[in-house]
Amino acid sequence: MDWLRDHAWETWLGVAVLLGVAEMFSLDLVLVMLASGALVGMLAAVLGLPFAVQVIAAAATSLAAILLLRPSLVARVHGGPELQLGHGKLVGRQAEVTQEISGLRTGRIRLDGEIWSASPYDETLVIAAGETVEVLEIRGATAYVHPVPRLNS
């Protein structure tokens, strides 16, 4: 125990480094908060404060960092644009009808540079070639579309 007392700041630094390395594997932003507490404990040891004060300072800093700092950091790390993958990213896009679409006959549209089979979302509609449509849903390899209203000039 005398060695720890004589080398307290080195011990705190070692604990902080170990927690920092462990954080790289967990990525939960908890261990880095504990590491910050260990650094405050190291600072208290360098100042020559008693071991009990070092532990209290480290614990208080860790707890404050976890409760006050971590939530905003997690929100910043996990916040961002919602990524859509696969066919879901095409819903809401506009396309051009290349072959007439009706409730009785599947037609074709050019969507994002690709030709897709398409059916009208409302089965009573007939959508002529050359019209602009909006993709409302994709089921399998068929896009369900609705015509985009035109402004008559």
C-alpha atoms as a PDB file:
ATOM      1  CA  MET A   1       0.000   0.000   0.000  1.00  0.00           C
ATOM      2  CA  ASP A   2       2.955   2.313   0.562  1.00  0.00           C
ATOM      3  CA  TRP A   3       3.926   1.989  -3.093  1.00  0.00           C
ATOM      4  CA  LEU A   4       0.464   3.139  -4.186  1.00  0.00           C
ATOM      5  CA  ARG A   5       0.644   6.096  -1.805  1.00  0.00           C
ATOM      6  CA  ASP A   6       4.085   7.038  -3.105  1.00  0.00           C
ATOM      7  CA  HIS A   7       3.068   6.608  -6.744  1.00  0.00           C
ATOM      8  CA  ALA A   8      -0.562   7.722  -6.584  1.00  0.00           C
ATOM      9  CA  TRP A   9      -0.496  10.033  -9.580  1.00  0.00           C
ATOM     10  CA  GLU A  10       1.102   7.338 -11.749  1.00  0.00           C
ATOM     11  CA  THR A  11      -1.557   4.879 -10.630  1.00  0.00           C
ATOM     12  CA  TRP A  12      -4.356   7.323 -11.488  1.00  0.00           C
ATOM     13  CA  LEU A  13      -2.742   7.975 -14.868  1.00  0.00           C
ATOM     14  CA  GLY A  14      -2.509   4.223 -15.544  1.00  0.00           C
ATOM     15  CA  VAL A  15      -6.174   3.761 -14.646  1.00  0.00           C
ATOM     16  CA  ALA A  16      -7.134   6.663 -16.955  1.00  0.00           C
ATOM     17  CA  VAL A  17      -5.133   5.187 -19.843  1.00  0.00           C
ATOM     18  CA  LEU A  18      -6.634   1.711 -19.338  1.00  0.00           C
ATOM     19  CA  LEU A  19     -10.146   3.144 -19.239  1.00  0.00           C
ATOM     20  CA  GLY A  20      -9.427   5.217 -22.350  1.00  0.00           C
ATOM     21  CA  VAL A  21      -8.207   2.169 -24.255  1.00  0.00           C
ATOM     22  CA  ALA A  22     -11.198   0.113 -23.085  1.00  0.00           C
ATOM     23  CA  GLU A  23     -13.487   2.931 -24.304  1.00  0.00           C
ATOM     24  CA  MET A  24     -12.128   2.475 -27.815  1.00  0.00           C
ATOM     25  CA  PHE A  25     -13.594  -1.028 -27.806  1.00  0.00           C
ATOM     26  CA  SER A  26     -16.917  -0.273 -26.105  1.00  0.00           C
ATOM     27  CA  LEU A  27     -17.774   3.125 -27.657  1.00  0.00           C
ATOM     28  CA  ASP A  28     -20.434   3.716 -24.996  1.00  0.00           C
ATOM     29  CA  LEU A  29     -18.891   6.984 -23.753  1.00  0.00           C
ATOM     30  CA  VAL A  30     -19.043   5.704 -20.173  1.00  0.00           C
ATOM     31  CA  LEU A  31     -15.476   4.539 -19.705  1.00  0.00           C
ATOM     32  CA  VAL A  32     -14.102   7.812 -21.065  1.00  0.00           C
ATOM     33  CA  MET A  33     -16.125   9.632 -18.389  1.00  0.00           C
ATOM     34  CA  LEU A  34     -14.569   7.381 -15.752  1.00  0.00           C
ATOM     35  CA  ALA A  35     -11.155   8.093 -17.303  1.00  0.00           C
ATOM     36  CA  SER A  36     -11.779  11.823 -16.908  1.00  0.00           C
ATOM     37  CA  GLY A  37     -12.503  11.198 -13.242  1.00  0.00           C
ATOM     38  CA  ALA A  38      -9.235   9.271 -12.954  1.00  0.00           C
ATOM     39  CA  LEU A  39      -7.401  12.250 -14.448  1.00  0.00           C
ATOM     40  CA  VAL A  40      -8.927  14.519 -11.807  1.00  0.00           C
ATOM     41  CA  GLY A  41      -7.815  11.987  -9.193  1.00  0.00           C
ATOM     42  CA  MET A  42      -4.326  12.186 -10.695  1.00  0.00           C
ATOM     43  CA  LEU A  43      -4.404  15.982 -10.462  1.00  0.00           C
ATOM     44  CA  ALA A  44      -5.433  15.729  -6.799  1.00  0.00           C
ATOM     45  CA  ALA A  45      -2.547  13.310  -6.194  1.00  0.00           C
ATOM     46  CA  VAL A  46      -0.071  15.677  -7.864  1.00  0.00           C
ATOM     47  CA  LEU A  47      -1.297  18.452  -5.562  1.00  0.00           C
ATOM     48  CA  GLY A  48      -0.565  16.178  -2.598  1.00  0.00           C
ATOM     49  CA  LEU A  49      -4.145  15.837  -1.375  1.00  0.00           C
ATOM     50  CA  PRO A  50      -5.059  12.844   0.814  1.00  0.00           C
ATOM     51  CA  PHE A  51      -6.111   9.608  -0.895  1.00  0.00           C
ATOM     52  CA  ALA A  52      -9.727   9.946   0.311  1.00  0.00           C
ATOM     53  CA  VAL A  53      -9.970  13.374  -1.334  1.00  0.00           C
ATOM     54  CA  GLN A  54      -8.486  11.944  -4.537  1.00  0.00           C
ATOM     55  CA  VAL A  55     -11.133   9.204  -4.633  1.00  0.00           C
ATOM     56  CA  ILE A  56     -13.974  11.631  -3.875  1.00  0.00           C
ATOM     57  CA  ALA A  57     -12.766  14.064  -6.566  1.00  0.00           C
ATOM     58  CA  ALA A  58     -12.458  11.241  -9.119  1.00  0.00           C
ATOM     59  CA  ALA A  59     -15.889   9.838  -8.264  1.00  0.00           C
ATOM     60  CA  ALA A  60     -17.586  13.251  -8.321  1.00  0.00           C
ATOM     61  CA  THR A  61     -16.023  14.138 -11.669  1.00  0.00           C
ATOM     62  CA  SER A  62     -16.964  10.784 -13.194  1.00  0.00           C
ATOM     63  CA  LEU A  63     -20.534  11.012 -11.941  1.00  0.00           C
ATOM     64  CA  ALA A  64     -20.932  14.605 -13.132  1.00  0.00           C
ATOM     65  CA  ALA A  65     -19.517  13.733 -16.556  1.00  0.00           C
ATOM     66  CA  ILE A  66     -21.829  10.728 -16.915  1.00  0.00           C
ATOM     67  CA  LEU A  67     -24.925  12.655 -15.849  1.00  0.00           C
ATOM     68  CA  LEU A  68     -24.235  16.045 -17.446  1.00  0.00           C
ATOM     69  CA  LEU A  69     -21.861  15.581 -20.369  1.00  0.00           C
ATOM     70  CA  ARG A  70     -22.586  12.109 -21.743  1.00  0.00           C
ATOM     71  CA  PRO A  71     -26.249  12.675 -22.783  1.00  0.00           C
ATOM     72  CA  SER A  72     -25.373  15.598 -25.049  1.00  0.00           C
ATOM     73  CA  LEU A  73     -22.374  13.757 -26.514  1.00  0.00           C
ATOM     74  CA  VAL A  74     -24.460  10.649 -27.230  1.00  0.00           C
ATOM     75  CA  ALA A  75     -27.148  12.783 -28.886  1.00  0.00           C
ATOM     76  CA  ARG A  76     -24.525  14.474 -31.047  1.00  0.00           C
ATOM     77  CA  VAL A  77     -22.850  11.198 -32.026  1.00  0.00           C
ATOM     78  CA  HIS A  78     -26.067   9.352 -32.793  1.00  0.00           C
ATOM     79  CA  GLY A  79     -27.939  12.328 -34.238  1.00  0.00           C
ATOM     80  CA  GLY A  80     -27.756  12.887 -37.943  1.00  0.00           C
ATOM     81  CA  PRO A  81     -29.671  12.309 -41.090  1.00  0.00           C
ATOM     82  CA  GLU A  82     -31.816   9.227 -41.174  1.00  0.00           C
ATOM     83  CA  LEU A  83     -30.212   6.834 -43.602  1.00  0.00           C
ATOM     84  CA  GLN A  84     -32.551   5.017 -45.927  1.00  0.00           C
ATOM     85  CA  LEU A  85     -31.324   1.953 -47.698  1.00  0.00           C
ATOM     86  CA  GLY A  86     -32.682  -0.148 -50.525  1.00  0.00           C
ATOM     87  CA  HIS A  87     -36.022   0.610 -52.086  1.00  0.00           C
ATOM     88  CA  GLY A  88     -37.151   2.782 -49.182  1.00  0.00           C
ATOM     89  CA  LYS A  89     -35.008   5.664 -50.404  1.00  0.00           C
ATOM     90  CA  LEU A  90     -37.018   5.801 -53.653  1.00  0.00           C
ATOM     91  CA  VAL A  91     -40.396   6.380 -51.988  1.00  0.00           C
ATOM     92  CA  GLY A  92     -41.416  10.009 -52.431  1.00  0.00           C
ATOM     93  CA  ARG A  93     -39.297  10.500 -55.561  1.00  0.00           C
ATOM     94  CA  GLN A  94     -40.710  11.589 -58.883  1.00  0.00           C
ATOM     95  CA  ALA A  95     -40.404   9.504 -62.037  1.00  0.00           C
ATOM     96  CA  GLU A  96     -41.390   9.686 -65.711  1.00  0.00           C
ATOM     97  CA  VAL A  97     -43.849   7.196 -67.186  1.00  0.00           C
ATOM     98  CA  THR A  98     -42.291   5.427 -70.189  1.00  0.00           C
ATOM     99  CA  GLN A  99     -45.137   2.954 -70.839  1.00  0.00           C
ATOM    100  CA  GLU A 100     -48.822   3.574 -70.024  1.00  0.00           C
ATOM    101  CA  ILE A 101     -49.898   2.459 -66.563  1.00  0.00           C
ATOM    102  CA  SER A 102     -53.410   1.311 -65.638  1.00  0.00           C
ATOM    103  CA  GLY A 103     -55.088  -0.806 -63.014  1.00  0.00           C
ATOM    104  CA  LEU A 104     -55.361  -3.639 -65.523  1.00  0.00           C
ATOM    105  CA  ARG A 105     -51.869  -3.398 -66.985  1.00  0.00           C
ATOM    106  CA  THR A 106     -48.524  -2.808 -65.336  1.00  0.00           C
ATOM    107  CA  GLY A 107     -46.515  -0.110 -67.079  1.00  0.00           C
ATOM    108  CA  ARG A 108     -42.976   1.203 -66.837  1.00  0.00           C
ATOM    109  CA  ILE A 109     -41.370   4.279 -65.282  1.00  0.00           C
ATOM    110  CA  ARG A 110     -37.867   5.759 -65.325  1.00  0.00           C
ATOM    111  CA  LEU A 111     -36.909   6.184 -61.666  1.00  0.00           C
ATOM    112  CA  ASP A 112     -33.442   7.342 -60.671  1.00  0.00           C
ATOM    113  CA  GLY A 113     -32.099   6.380 -64.093  1.00  0.00           C
ATOM    114  CA  GLU A 114     -33.527   2.857 -63.952  1.00  0.00           C
ATOM    115  CA  ILE A 115     -36.621   1.340 -65.567  1.00  0.00           C
ATOM    116  CA  TRP A 116     -39.134   0.005 -63.042  1.00  0.00           C
ATOM    117  CA  SER A 117     -42.434  -1.784 -63.437  1.00  0.00           C
ATOM    118  CA  ALA A 118     -45.215   0.395 -62.074  1.00  0.00           C
ATOM    119  CA  SER A 119     -48.872   0.225 -61.176  1.00  0.00           C
ATOM    120  CA  PRO A 120     -51.186   3.058 -60.188  1.00  0.00           C
ATOM    121  CA  TYR A 121     -51.747   3.435 -56.445  1.00  0.00           C
ATOM    122  CA  ASP A 122     -55.392   4.161 -57.309  1.00  0.00           C
ATOM    123  CA  GLU A 123     -56.413   1.239 -59.543  1.00  0.00           C
ATOM    124  CA  THR A 124     -59.035   3.343 -61.371  1.00  0.00           C
ATOM    125  CA  LEU A 125     -56.419   5.670 -62.887  1.00  0.00           C
ATOM    126  CA  VAL A 126     -54.818   5.443 -66.312  1.00  0.00           C
ATOM    127  CA  ILE A 127     -51.508   7.281 -66.517  1.00  0.00           C
ATOM    128  CA  ALA A 128     -50.196   8.041 -70.007  1.00  0.00           C
ATOM    129  CA  ALA A 129     -46.571   7.822 -71.114  1.00  0.00           C
ATOM    130  CA  GLY A 130     -44.688  11.067 -70.589  1.00  0.00           C
ATOM    131  CA  GLU A 131     -46.541  11.960 -67.379  1.00  0.00           C
ATOM    132  CA  THR A 132     -44.696  12.687 -64.155  1.00  0.00           C
ATOM    133  CA  VAL A 133     -45.603  10.491 -61.192  1.00  0.00           C
ATOM    134  CA  GLU A 134     -44.645  10.256 -57.552  1.00  0.00           C
ATOM    135  CA  VAL A 135     -43.666   6.914 -56.027  1.00  0.00           C
ATOM    136  CA  LEU A 136     -45.902   6.236 -53.033  1.00  0.00           C
ATOM    137  CA  GLU A 137     -44.880   2.672 -52.271  1.00  0.00           C
ATOM    138  CA  ILE A 138     -42.648  -0.111 -53.540  1.00  0.00           C
ATOM    139  CA  ARG A 139     -43.734  -3.724 -53.220  1.00  0.00           C
ATOM    140  CA  GLY A 140     -41.222  -6.208 -54.539  1.00  0.00           C
ATOM    141  CA  ALA A 141     -40.060  -4.894 -57.916  1.00  0.00           C
ATOM    142  CA  THR A 142     -43.180  -2.824 -58.603  1.00  0.00           C
ATOM    143  CA  ALA A 143     -43.510   0.851 -57.803  1.00  0.00           C
ATOM    144  CA  TYR A 144     -46.996   2.098 -56.922  1.00  0.00           C
ATOM    145  CA  VAL A 145     -47.346   5.609 -58.248  1.00  0.00           C
ATOM    146  CA  HIS A 146     -49.711   8.554 -58.409  1.00  0.00           C
ATOM    147  CA  PRO A 147     -49.653  11.306 -61.046  1.00  0.00           C
ATOM    148  CA  VAL A 148     -48.164  14.662 -60.068  1.00  0.00           C
ATOM    149  CA  PRO A 149     -50.677  17.450 -60.816  1.00  0.00           C
ATOM    150  CA  ARG A 150     -49.599  19.892 -63.531  1.00  0.00           C
ATOM    151  CA  LEU A 151     -50.206  23.612 -63.519  1.00  0.00           C
ATOM    152  CA  ASN A 152     -51.934  24.593 -66.740  1.00  0.00           C
ATOM    153  CA  SER A 153     -50.358  27.669 -68.289  1.00  0.00           C
END
